Amino acid sequence: MLGPTTVEEWLAAERSRLELLLGHLYAPSRPSGSHQRASFRLARAVDDSLQAVGRRDLEVLPAVAVRISTPFRTVLVPDLAVVKVGEDRRLYERGDVLLAVEVWSQDNSQDERETKTAAYAQVGIPHLWLFDPPVSFTAYRLEDAKYVEVVHADNGETVTAPGPVPVEIDTAKLP
């Protein structure tokens, strides 16, 4: 981690995958091939579901920056996010993101995982999916400012995950 840094300094630096966590720049390790594959397949499943039900007002994007808190100097970059079409920004704000997806790596500490999950809840992202390859997929829905587990699948299981639209996830095809 590098720091301390403000949100404004982070924006000016044009750093694509750096996250700002409590004022410190955090550089996640370069994603592995299996990480990228899982992200791509999840994005495709979400996009296919959006198109199938005619939700042309929403789109799935990889690695968008989400402002969590200016006072606490936090900007996170989920692996995937569902946003409204036409919201072409460098930094997405509270209310712009309807679903955040994190594909965890071995490098993600438990503390980082808990901090990110709490941060997404803090800004009111209604749905959060966490994929921990090759072990599990868990989908959460925000209720009373906390995430509640709605669906959990172990590797090899197929589930329908909630989000802006329901999405069938075959965990055997992710990693």
N, C-alpha and C. Protein backbone atom coordinates (compact mmCIF):
# COMPACT_ATOMS: atom_id res chain seq x y z
N MET A 1 0.83 -1.18 0.00
CA MET A 1 0.00 0.00 0.00
C MET A 1 0.87 1.24 0.00
N LEU A 2 0.39 2.27 -0.68
CA LEU A 2 1.04 3.57 -0.69
C LEU A 2 0.06 4.59 -0.15
N GLY A 3 0.54 5.66 0.44
CA GLY A 3 -0.42 6.65 0.93
C GLY A 3 0.26 7.67 1.78
N PRO A 4 -0.43 8.60 2.40
CA PRO A 4 -1.87 8.84 2.25
C PRO A 4 -2.19 9.62 0.96
N THR A 5 -3.39 9.39 0.44
CA THR A 5 -3.83 9.98 -0.82
C THR A 5 -5.30 10.36 -0.69
N THR A 6 -5.70 11.45 -1.34
CA THR A 6 -7.10 11.86 -1.36
C THR A 6 -7.78 11.29 -2.60
N VAL A 7 -9.12 11.34 -2.63
CA VAL A 7 -9.86 10.90 -3.81
C VAL A 7 -9.47 11.75 -5.01
N GLU A 8 -9.33 13.04 -4.82
CA GLU A 8 -8.96 13.94 -5.92
C GLU A 8 -7.59 13.59 -6.49
N GLU A 9 -6.62 13.29 -5.63
CA GLU A 9 -5.29 12.89 -6.09
C GLU A 9 -5.35 11.56 -6.83
N TRP A 10 -6.18 10.65 -6.34
CA TRP A 10 -6.34 9.36 -7.00
C TRP A 10 -6.90 9.56 -8.41
N LEU A 11 -7.92 10.42 -8.54
CA LEU A 11 -8.51 10.69 -9.85
C LEU A 11 -7.50 11.30 -10.81
N ALA A 12 -6.71 12.23 -10.34
CA ALA A 12 -5.73 12.92 -11.19
C ALA A 12 -4.61 12.00 -11.65
N ALA A 13 -4.37 10.93 -10.93
CA ALA A 13 -3.23 10.05 -11.24
C ALA A 13 -3.49 9.09 -12.40
N GLU A 14 -4.76 8.95 -12.85
CA GLU A 14 -5.10 8.08 -13.98
C GLU A 14 -4.62 6.64 -13.75
N ARG A 15 -4.83 6.12 -12.59
CA ARG A 15 -4.41 4.75 -12.29
C ARG A 15 -5.60 3.83 -12.45
N SER A 16 -5.53 2.92 -13.40
CA SER A 16 -6.71 2.14 -13.75
C SER A 16 -7.12 1.10 -12.71
N ARG A 17 -6.20 0.33 -12.18
CA ARG A 17 -6.59 -0.75 -11.27
C ARG A 17 -6.24 -0.48 -9.81
N LEU A 18 -5.62 0.66 -9.53
CA LEU A 18 -5.31 0.97 -8.14
C LEU A 18 -6.60 1.29 -7.40
N GLU A 19 -6.69 0.82 -6.18
CA GLU A 19 -7.81 1.17 -5.33
C GLU A 19 -7.30 2.10 -4.24
N LEU A 20 -8.19 2.90 -3.71
CA LEU A 20 -7.86 3.81 -2.62
C LEU A 20 -8.62 3.32 -1.40
N LEU A 21 -7.89 2.82 -0.42
CA LEU A 21 -8.51 2.21 0.75
C LEU A 21 -8.07 2.96 1.99
N LEU A 22 -9.01 3.76 2.54
CA LEU A 22 -8.74 4.57 3.73
C LEU A 22 -7.51 5.45 3.54
N GLY A 23 -7.41 6.05 2.34
CA GLY A 23 -6.34 6.99 2.05
C GLY A 23 -5.06 6.40 1.54
N HIS A 24 -4.98 5.08 1.47
CA HIS A 24 -3.77 4.43 0.99
C HIS A 24 -4.02 3.77 -0.35
N LEU A 25 -3.11 3.99 -1.30
CA LEU A 25 -3.23 3.33 -2.59
C LEU A 25 -2.94 1.85 -2.41
N TYR A 26 -3.82 1.05 -2.96
CA TYR A 26 -3.68 -0.40 -2.88
C TYR A 26 -3.60 -0.94 -4.30
N ALA A 27 -2.55 -1.66 -4.60
CA ALA A 27 -2.36 -2.23 -5.93
C ALA A 27 -2.60 -3.73 -5.88
N PRO A 28 -3.78 -4.17 -6.29
CA PRO A 28 -4.03 -5.62 -6.30
C PRO A 28 -3.05 -6.30 -7.25
N SER A 29 -2.72 -7.55 -6.96
CA SER A 29 -1.82 -8.27 -7.86
C SER A 29 -2.49 -8.46 -9.21
N ARG A 30 -1.67 -8.62 -10.23
CA ARG A 30 -2.19 -8.82 -11.58
C ARG A 30 -3.06 -10.08 -11.59
N PRO A 31 -4.28 -10.00 -12.13
CA PRO A 31 -5.18 -11.16 -12.12
C PRO A 31 -4.61 -12.32 -12.95
N SER A 32 -4.79 -13.53 -12.45
CA SER A 32 -4.36 -14.72 -13.18
C SER A 32 -5.32 -15.00 -14.33
N GLY A 33 -4.94 -15.94 -15.17
CA GLY A 33 -5.81 -16.33 -16.28
C GLY A 33 -7.15 -16.86 -15.80
N SER A 34 -7.13 -17.68 -14.74
CA SER A 34 -8.40 -18.22 -14.23
C SER A 34 -9.27 -17.13 -13.63
N HIS A 35 -8.65 -16.13 -13.01
CA HIS A 35 -9.39 -14.98 -12.46
C HIS A 35 -10.07 -14.22 -13.60
N GLN A 36 -9.32 -13.94 -14.66
CA GLN A 36 -9.87 -13.21 -15.82
C GLN A 36 -10.97 -14.02 -16.49
N ARG A 37 -10.76 -15.32 -16.60
CA ARG A 37 -11.75 -16.20 -17.22
C ARG A 37 -13.05 -16.18 -16.42
N ALA A 38 -12.95 -16.28 -15.10
CA ALA A 38 -14.15 -16.25 -14.25
C ALA A 38 -14.87 -14.92 -14.39
N SER A 39 -14.12 -13.82 -14.38
CA SER A 39 -14.73 -12.49 -14.55
C SER A 39 -15.45 -12.38 -15.88
N PHE A 40 -14.80 -12.84 -16.95
CA PHE A 40 -15.39 -12.78 -18.28
C PHE A 40 -16.67 -13.60 -18.35
N ARG A 41 -16.62 -14.82 -17.81
CA ARG A 41 -17.80 -15.69 -17.88
C ARG A 41 -18.95 -15.17 -17.03
N LEU A 42 -18.63 -14.59 -15.89
CA LEU A 42 -19.68 -13.96 -15.08
C LEU A 42 -20.28 -12.77 -15.82
N ALA A 43 -19.42 -11.96 -16.45
CA ALA A 43 -19.91 -10.80 -17.21
C ALA A 43 -20.81 -11.25 -18.35
N ARG A 44 -20.40 -12.28 -19.04
CA ARG A 44 -21.20 -12.79 -20.16
C ARG A 44 -22.55 -13.31 -19.66
N ALA A 45 -22.56 -14.03 -18.53
CA ALA A 45 -23.83 -14.54 -17.99
C ALA A 45 -24.76 -13.40 -17.61
N VAL A 46 -24.21 -12.36 -16.98
CA VAL A 46 -25.03 -11.20 -16.60
C VAL A 46 -25.55 -10.50 -17.85
N ASP A 47 -24.67 -10.26 -18.82
CA ASP A 47 -25.08 -9.57 -20.04
C ASP A 47 -26.15 -10.37 -20.79
N ASP A 48 -25.96 -11.68 -20.91
CA ASP A 48 -26.96 -12.52 -21.57
C ASP A 48 -28.32 -12.42 -20.87
N SER A 49 -28.32 -12.41 -19.55
CA SER A 49 -29.57 -12.31 -18.79
C SER A 49 -30.22 -10.95 -18.96
N LEU A 50 -29.41 -9.89 -18.95
CA LEU A 50 -29.95 -8.55 -19.18
C LEU A 50 -30.62 -8.47 -20.55
N GLN A 51 -29.95 -8.99 -21.57
CA GLN A 51 -30.49 -8.95 -22.93
C GLN A 51 -31.74 -9.82 -23.06
N ALA A 52 -31.74 -10.99 -22.41
CA ALA A 52 -32.87 -11.92 -22.52
C ALA A 52 -34.17 -11.33 -21.98
N VAL A 53 -34.07 -10.47 -20.97
CA VAL A 53 -35.29 -9.87 -20.41
C VAL A 53 -35.51 -8.44 -20.89
N GLY A 54 -34.71 -8.02 -21.87
CA GLY A 54 -34.91 -6.70 -22.47
C GLY A 54 -34.43 -5.52 -21.65
N ARG A 55 -33.51 -5.74 -20.73
CA ARG A 55 -32.99 -4.64 -19.90
C ARG A 55 -31.85 -3.93 -20.63
N ARG A 56 -32.21 -3.19 -21.66
CA ARG A 56 -31.21 -2.46 -22.43
C ARG A 56 -30.78 -1.16 -21.74
N ASP A 57 -31.40 -0.89 -20.60
CA ASP A 57 -31.04 0.29 -19.82
C ASP A 57 -29.86 0.02 -18.89
N LEU A 58 -29.44 -1.26 -18.80
CA LEU A 58 -28.35 -1.64 -17.91
C LEU A 58 -27.25 -2.34 -18.70
N GLU A 59 -26.02 -2.24 -18.20
CA GLU A 59 -24.91 -2.95 -18.81
C GLU A 59 -23.92 -3.38 -17.74
N VAL A 60 -23.16 -4.42 -18.07
CA VAL A 60 -22.14 -4.91 -17.16
C VAL A 60 -20.78 -4.42 -17.67
N LEU A 61 -19.99 -3.85 -16.76
CA LEU A 61 -18.68 -3.31 -17.12
C LEU A 61 -17.61 -3.90 -16.21
N PRO A 62 -16.42 -4.13 -16.76
CA PRO A 62 -15.32 -4.61 -15.91
C PRO A 62 -14.57 -3.45 -15.27
N ALA A 63 -14.13 -3.66 -14.04
CA ALA A 63 -13.16 -2.79 -13.37
C ALA A 63 -13.49 -1.30 -13.38
N VAL A 64 -14.72 -0.95 -12.98
CA VAL A 64 -15.06 0.47 -12.86
C VAL A 64 -14.71 0.94 -11.45
N ALA A 65 -14.34 2.19 -11.34
CA ALA A 65 -14.02 2.78 -10.03
C ALA A 65 -15.31 3.25 -9.36
N VAL A 66 -15.47 2.91 -8.09
CA VAL A 66 -16.67 3.28 -7.32
C VAL A 66 -16.23 4.09 -6.11
N ARG A 67 -16.71 5.35 -6.03
CA ARG A 67 -16.39 6.18 -4.86
C ARG A 67 -17.19 5.66 -3.67
N ILE A 68 -16.46 5.23 -2.65
CA ILE A 68 -17.10 4.76 -1.44
C ILE A 68 -17.26 5.91 -0.46
N SER A 69 -16.19 6.67 -0.25
CA SER A 69 -16.23 7.77 0.70
C SER A 69 -15.12 8.76 0.42
N THR A 70 -15.49 10.03 0.24
CA THR A 70 -14.46 11.06 0.11
C THR A 70 -13.82 11.36 1.45
N PRO A 71 -14.59 11.55 2.54
CA PRO A 71 -13.94 11.81 3.83
C PRO A 71 -13.00 10.68 4.27
N PHE A 72 -13.39 9.43 4.00
CA PHE A 72 -12.55 8.31 4.40
C PHE A 72 -11.59 7.89 3.28
N ARG A 73 -11.58 8.68 2.20
CA ARG A 73 -10.66 8.49 1.08
C ARG A 73 -10.63 7.04 0.60
N THR A 74 -11.80 6.58 0.13
CA THR A 74 -11.91 5.20 -0.32
C THR A 74 -12.59 5.13 -1.69
N VAL A 75 -11.91 4.51 -2.65
CA VAL A 75 -12.43 4.22 -3.98
C VAL A 75 -12.07 2.76 -4.27
N LEU A 76 -13.06 1.95 -4.60
CA LEU A 76 -12.82 0.54 -4.90
C LEU A 76 -13.09 0.25 -6.37
N VAL A 77 -12.49 -0.82 -6.87
CA VAL A 77 -12.64 -1.23 -8.27
C VAL A 77 -13.07 -2.70 -8.29
N PRO A 78 -14.40 -2.95 -8.26
CA PRO A 78 -14.84 -4.35 -8.33
C PRO A 78 -14.49 -4.95 -9.69
N ASP A 79 -14.40 -6.26 -9.74
CA ASP A 79 -14.08 -6.92 -11.01
C ASP A 79 -15.15 -6.63 -12.05
N LEU A 80 -16.42 -6.59 -11.63
CA LEU A 80 -17.54 -6.29 -12.52
C LEU A 80 -18.53 -5.41 -11.79
N ALA A 81 -19.26 -4.62 -12.57
CA ALA A 81 -20.35 -3.82 -12.00
C ALA A 81 -21.46 -3.69 -13.03
N VAL A 82 -22.70 -3.73 -12.56
CA VAL A 82 -23.84 -3.44 -13.43
C VAL A 82 -24.25 -2.01 -13.15
N VAL A 83 -24.28 -1.20 -14.24
CA VAL A 83 -24.60 0.22 -14.15
C VAL A 83 -25.63 0.56 -15.23
N LYS A 84 -26.19 1.76 -15.14
CA LYS A 84 -27.13 2.22 -16.16
C LYS A 84 -26.36 2.57 -17.43
N VAL A 85 -26.94 2.21 -18.58
CA VAL A 85 -26.34 2.53 -19.87
C VAL A 85 -26.23 4.05 -19.98
N GLY A 86 -25.15 4.51 -20.53
CA GLY A 86 -24.96 5.94 -20.72
C GLY A 86 -24.23 6.61 -19.58
N GLU A 87 -24.04 5.91 -18.49
CA GLU A 87 -23.28 6.45 -17.36
C GLU A 87 -21.79 6.22 -17.64
N ASP A 88 -21.25 6.94 -18.61
CA ASP A 88 -19.86 6.75 -19.03
C ASP A 88 -18.96 7.65 -18.20
N ARG A 89 -18.44 7.10 -17.13
CA ARG A 89 -17.66 7.90 -16.18
C ARG A 89 -16.34 7.22 -15.85
N ARG A 90 -15.44 8.00 -15.30
CA ARG A 90 -14.21 7.44 -14.74
C ARG A 90 -14.43 7.02 -13.30
N LEU A 91 -15.42 7.64 -12.65
CA LEU A 91 -15.69 7.35 -11.25
C LEU A 91 -17.20 7.28 -11.05
N TYR A 92 -17.67 6.12 -10.62
CA TYR A 92 -19.10 5.93 -10.37
C TYR A 92 -19.41 6.28 -8.92
N GLU A 93 -20.60 6.85 -8.73
CA GLU A 93 -21.00 7.37 -7.43
C GLU A 93 -22.03 6.45 -6.77
N ARG A 94 -22.34 6.79 -5.52
CA ARG A 94 -23.39 6.12 -4.76
C ARG A 94 -24.66 6.08 -5.62
N GLY A 95 -25.27 4.93 -5.73
CA GLY A 95 -26.50 4.80 -6.49
C GLY A 95 -26.32 4.42 -7.95
N ASP A 96 -25.11 4.57 -8.49
CA ASP A 96 -24.86 4.21 -9.90
C ASP A 96 -24.73 2.71 -10.11
N VAL A 97 -24.23 2.01 -9.12
CA VAL A 97 -23.92 0.58 -9.25
C VAL A 97 -25.03 -0.25 -8.63
N LEU A 98 -25.61 -1.15 -9.42
CA LEU A 98 -26.70 -2.00 -8.95
C LEU A 98 -26.22 -3.38 -8.52
N LEU A 99 -25.07 -3.80 -9.04
CA LEU A 99 -24.46 -5.08 -8.68
C LEU A 99 -22.95 -4.92 -8.75
N ALA A 100 -22.26 -5.33 -7.70
CA ALA A 100 -20.80 -5.39 -7.70
C ALA A 100 -20.40 -6.86 -7.60
N VAL A 101 -19.37 -7.23 -8.34
CA VAL A 101 -18.87 -8.61 -8.34
C VAL A 101 -17.38 -8.59 -8.03
N GLU A 102 -16.99 -9.37 -7.05
CA GLU A 102 -15.57 -9.54 -6.73
C GLU A 102 -15.21 -11.00 -6.97
N VAL A 103 -14.16 -11.21 -7.74
CA VAL A 103 -13.57 -12.54 -7.91
C VAL A 103 -12.32 -12.52 -7.04
N TRP A 104 -12.37 -13.22 -5.94
CA TRP A 104 -11.25 -13.19 -4.99
C TRP A 104 -10.06 -13.97 -5.53
N SER A 105 -8.89 -13.55 -5.08
CA SER A 105 -7.64 -14.25 -5.37
C SER A 105 -7.04 -14.67 -4.04
N GLN A 106 -6.06 -15.54 -4.10
CA GLN A 106 -5.38 -15.95 -2.87
C GLN A 106 -4.74 -14.76 -2.17
N ASP A 107 -4.40 -13.73 -2.93
CA ASP A 107 -3.75 -12.54 -2.36
C ASP A 107 -4.69 -11.67 -1.53
N ASN A 108 -6.01 -11.84 -1.69
CA ASN A 108 -6.96 -11.03 -0.93
C ASN A 108 -7.03 -11.53 0.51
N SER A 109 -6.60 -10.69 1.44
CA SER A 109 -6.64 -11.08 2.86
C SER A 109 -8.08 -11.07 3.35
N GLN A 110 -8.32 -11.73 4.47
CA GLN A 110 -9.65 -11.75 5.07
C GLN A 110 -10.07 -10.33 5.45
N ASP A 111 -9.12 -9.54 5.96
CA ASP A 111 -9.40 -8.16 6.33
C ASP A 111 -9.83 -7.35 5.11
N GLU A 112 -9.14 -7.51 3.99
CA GLU A 112 -9.51 -6.80 2.77
C GLU A 112 -10.89 -7.22 2.29
N ARG A 113 -11.18 -8.50 2.34
CA ARG A 113 -12.48 -9.00 1.91
C ARG A 113 -13.60 -8.40 2.76
N GLU A 114 -13.40 -8.38 4.06
CA GLU A 114 -14.41 -7.82 4.97
C GLU A 114 -14.56 -6.32 4.78
N THR A 115 -13.44 -5.62 4.59
CA THR A 115 -13.48 -4.17 4.39
C THR A 115 -14.22 -3.81 3.12
N LYS A 116 -13.93 -4.52 2.03
CA LYS A 116 -14.60 -4.24 0.76
C LYS A 116 -16.10 -4.54 0.84
N THR A 117 -16.45 -5.67 1.44
CA THR A 117 -17.86 -6.03 1.57
C THR A 117 -18.61 -4.96 2.37
N ALA A 118 -18.03 -4.52 3.48
CA ALA A 118 -18.66 -3.47 4.29
C ALA A 118 -18.76 -2.15 3.52
N ALA A 119 -17.74 -1.85 2.73
CA ALA A 119 -17.74 -0.61 1.95
C ALA A 119 -18.85 -0.61 0.90
N TYR A 120 -19.04 -1.73 0.21
CA TYR A 120 -20.11 -1.80 -0.79
C TYR A 120 -21.48 -1.65 -0.12
N ALA A 121 -21.64 -2.21 1.06
CA ALA A 121 -22.90 -2.05 1.79
C ALA A 121 -23.08 -0.59 2.21
N GLN A 122 -22.00 0.06 2.62
CA GLN A 122 -22.06 1.45 3.08
C GLN A 122 -22.61 2.38 2.01
N VAL A 123 -22.26 2.14 0.74
CA VAL A 123 -22.76 3.02 -0.32
C VAL A 123 -24.07 2.53 -0.92
N GLY A 124 -24.60 1.43 -0.40
CA GLY A 124 -25.94 1.01 -0.80
C GLY A 124 -26.02 0.23 -2.10
N ILE A 125 -24.96 -0.47 -2.48
CA ILE A 125 -25.04 -1.31 -3.68
C ILE A 125 -25.98 -2.47 -3.36
N PRO A 126 -27.11 -2.58 -4.10
CA PRO A 126 -28.15 -3.53 -3.71
C PRO A 126 -27.76 -5.01 -3.77
N HIS A 127 -26.85 -5.36 -4.68
CA HIS A 127 -26.47 -6.76 -4.85
C HIS A 127 -24.95 -6.89 -4.90
N LEU A 128 -24.45 -7.94 -4.25
CA LEU A 128 -23.02 -8.23 -4.23
C LEU A 128 -22.83 -9.72 -4.46
N TRP A 129 -21.96 -10.04 -5.43
CA TRP A 129 -21.59 -11.43 -5.67
C TRP A 129 -20.12 -11.60 -5.35
N LEU A 130 -19.79 -12.67 -4.66
CA LEU A 130 -18.41 -12.98 -4.33
C LEU A 130 -18.09 -14.38 -4.83
N PHE A 131 -17.08 -14.48 -5.68
CA PHE A 131 -16.64 -15.77 -6.19
C PHE A 131 -15.24 -16.03 -5.67
N ASP A 132 -15.09 -17.14 -4.99
CA ASP A 132 -13.81 -17.53 -4.40
C ASP A 132 -13.35 -18.81 -5.10
N PRO A 133 -12.66 -18.66 -6.24
CA PRO A 133 -12.32 -19.84 -7.04
C PRO A 133 -11.30 -20.73 -6.35
N PRO A 134 -11.39 -22.02 -6.56
CA PRO A 134 -12.48 -22.72 -7.26
C PRO A 134 -13.55 -23.21 -6.29
N VAL A 135 -13.59 -22.63 -5.11
CA VAL A 135 -14.40 -23.18 -4.02
C VAL A 135 -15.87 -22.80 -4.06
N SER A 136 -16.19 -21.50 -4.10
CA SER A 136 -17.59 -21.13 -3.88
C SER A 136 -18.00 -19.83 -4.57
N PHE A 137 -19.31 -19.72 -4.76
CA PHE A 137 -19.96 -18.52 -5.27
C PHE A 137 -21.06 -18.16 -4.28
N THR A 138 -21.10 -16.90 -3.85
CA THR A 138 -22.13 -16.46 -2.92
C THR A 138 -22.73 -15.15 -3.41
N ALA A 139 -24.06 -15.07 -3.41
CA ALA A 139 -24.76 -13.85 -3.80
C ALA A 139 -25.46 -13.28 -2.57
N TYR A 140 -25.34 -11.95 -2.43
CA TYR A 140 -25.92 -11.25 -1.29
C TYR A 140 -26.88 -10.17 -1.79
N ARG A 141 -27.86 -9.86 -0.95
CA ARG A 141 -28.78 -8.74 -1.19
C ARG A 141 -28.68 -7.82 0.01
N LEU A 142 -28.69 -6.53 -0.24
CA LEU A 142 -28.60 -5.54 0.82
C LEU A 142 -29.96 -5.40 1.51
N GLU A 143 -29.97 -5.60 2.83
CA GLU A 143 -31.18 -5.43 3.64
C GLU A 143 -30.78 -4.71 4.92
N ASP A 144 -31.41 -3.58 5.18
CA ASP A 144 -31.13 -2.80 6.39
C ASP A 144 -29.64 -2.50 6.53
N ALA A 145 -29.02 -2.07 5.43
CA ALA A 145 -27.62 -1.63 5.39
C ALA A 145 -26.61 -2.75 5.63
N LYS A 146 -27.06 -4.02 5.53
CA LYS A 146 -26.15 -5.16 5.67
C LYS A 146 -26.45 -6.17 4.57
N TYR A 147 -25.42 -6.89 4.15
CA TYR A 147 -25.63 -7.93 3.15
C TYR A 147 -26.13 -9.21 3.81
N VAL A 148 -27.16 -9.78 3.18
CA VAL A 148 -27.74 -11.04 3.62
C VAL A 148 -27.50 -12.05 2.51
N GLU A 149 -26.96 -13.20 2.88
CA GLU A 149 -26.71 -14.25 1.88
C GLU A 149 -28.03 -14.76 1.33
N VAL A 150 -28.12 -14.79 0.00
CA VAL A 150 -29.33 -15.25 -0.67
C VAL A 150 -29.08 -16.60 -1.34
N VAL A 151 -27.91 -16.75 -1.95
CA VAL A 151 -27.57 -17.97 -2.68
C VAL A 151 -26.11 -18.31 -2.41
N HIS A 152 -25.86 -19.59 -2.18
CA HIS A 152 -24.48 -20.07 -2.06
C HIS A 152 -24.35 -21.35 -2.88
N ALA A 153 -23.26 -21.46 -3.61
CA ALA A 153 -23.01 -22.67 -4.39
C ALA A 153 -21.55 -23.07 -4.27
N ASP A 154 -21.33 -24.35 -4.10
CA ASP A 154 -19.98 -24.87 -4.14
C ASP A 154 -19.63 -25.19 -5.58
N ASN A 155 -18.35 -25.40 -5.83
CA ASN A 155 -17.89 -25.68 -7.18
C ASN A 155 -18.66 -26.87 -7.77
N GLY A 156 -19.16 -26.68 -8.98
CA GLY A 156 -19.90 -27.73 -9.67
C GLY A 156 -21.40 -27.57 -9.59
N GLU A 157 -21.89 -26.67 -8.74
CA GLU A 157 -23.33 -26.46 -8.61
C GLU A 157 -23.79 -25.32 -9.51
N THR A 158 -25.05 -25.38 -9.90
CA THR A 158 -25.67 -24.31 -10.68
C THR A 158 -26.74 -23.65 -9.82
N VAL A 159 -26.72 -22.32 -9.79
CA VAL A 159 -27.70 -21.57 -8.99
C VAL A 159 -28.22 -20.40 -9.81
N THR A 160 -29.34 -19.85 -9.37
CA THR A 160 -29.85 -18.61 -9.94
C THR A 160 -29.57 -17.51 -8.94
N ALA A 161 -28.71 -16.59 -9.35
CA ALA A 161 -28.29 -15.51 -8.46
C ALA A 161 -29.17 -14.28 -8.67
N PRO A 162 -29.56 -13.62 -7.58
CA PRO A 162 -30.35 -12.40 -7.71
C PRO A 162 -29.46 -11.23 -8.12
N GLY A 163 -30.08 -10.26 -8.71
CA GLY A 163 -29.39 -9.04 -9.11
C GLY A 163 -30.43 -8.14 -9.73
N PRO A 164 -30.02 -7.21 -10.56
CA PRO A 164 -31.02 -6.42 -11.28
C PRO A 164 -31.93 -7.31 -12.11
N VAL A 165 -31.40 -8.47 -12.55
CA VAL A 165 -32.18 -9.55 -13.16
C VAL A 165 -31.61 -10.86 -12.62
N PRO A 166 -32.42 -11.92 -12.55
CA PRO A 166 -31.88 -13.21 -12.11
C PRO A 166 -30.88 -13.74 -13.15
N VAL A 167 -29.80 -14.36 -12.67
CA VAL A 167 -28.76 -14.87 -13.55
C VAL A 167 -28.42 -16.30 -13.14
N GLU A 168 -28.47 -17.21 -14.11
CA GLU A 168 -28.07 -18.59 -13.82
C GLU A 168 -26.55 -18.68 -13.86
N ILE A 169 -25.97 -19.21 -12.79
CA ILE A 169 -24.52 -19.33 -12.66
C ILE A 169 -24.17 -20.81 -12.52
N ASP A 170 -23.40 -21.32 -13.47
CA ASP A 170 -22.88 -22.68 -13.40
C ASP A 170 -21.44 -22.57 -12.91
N THR A 171 -21.23 -22.86 -11.64
CA THR A 171 -19.90 -22.66 -11.05
C THR A 171 -18.83 -23.56 -11.67
N ALA A 172 -19.24 -24.67 -12.26
CA ALA A 172 -18.26 -25.56 -12.90
C ALA A 172 -17.63 -24.90 -14.13
N LYS A 173 -18.31 -23.92 -14.71
CA LYS A 173 -17.80 -23.26 -15.93
C LYS A 173 -17.05 -21.96 -15.64
N LEU A 174 -16.93 -21.59 -14.37
CA LEU A 174 -16.29 -20.30 -14.06
C LEU A 174 -14.77 -20.33 -14.07
N PRO A 175 -14.12 -21.23 -13.33
CA PRO A 175 -12.65 -21.12 -13.26
C PRO A 175 -11.96 -21.62 -14.52
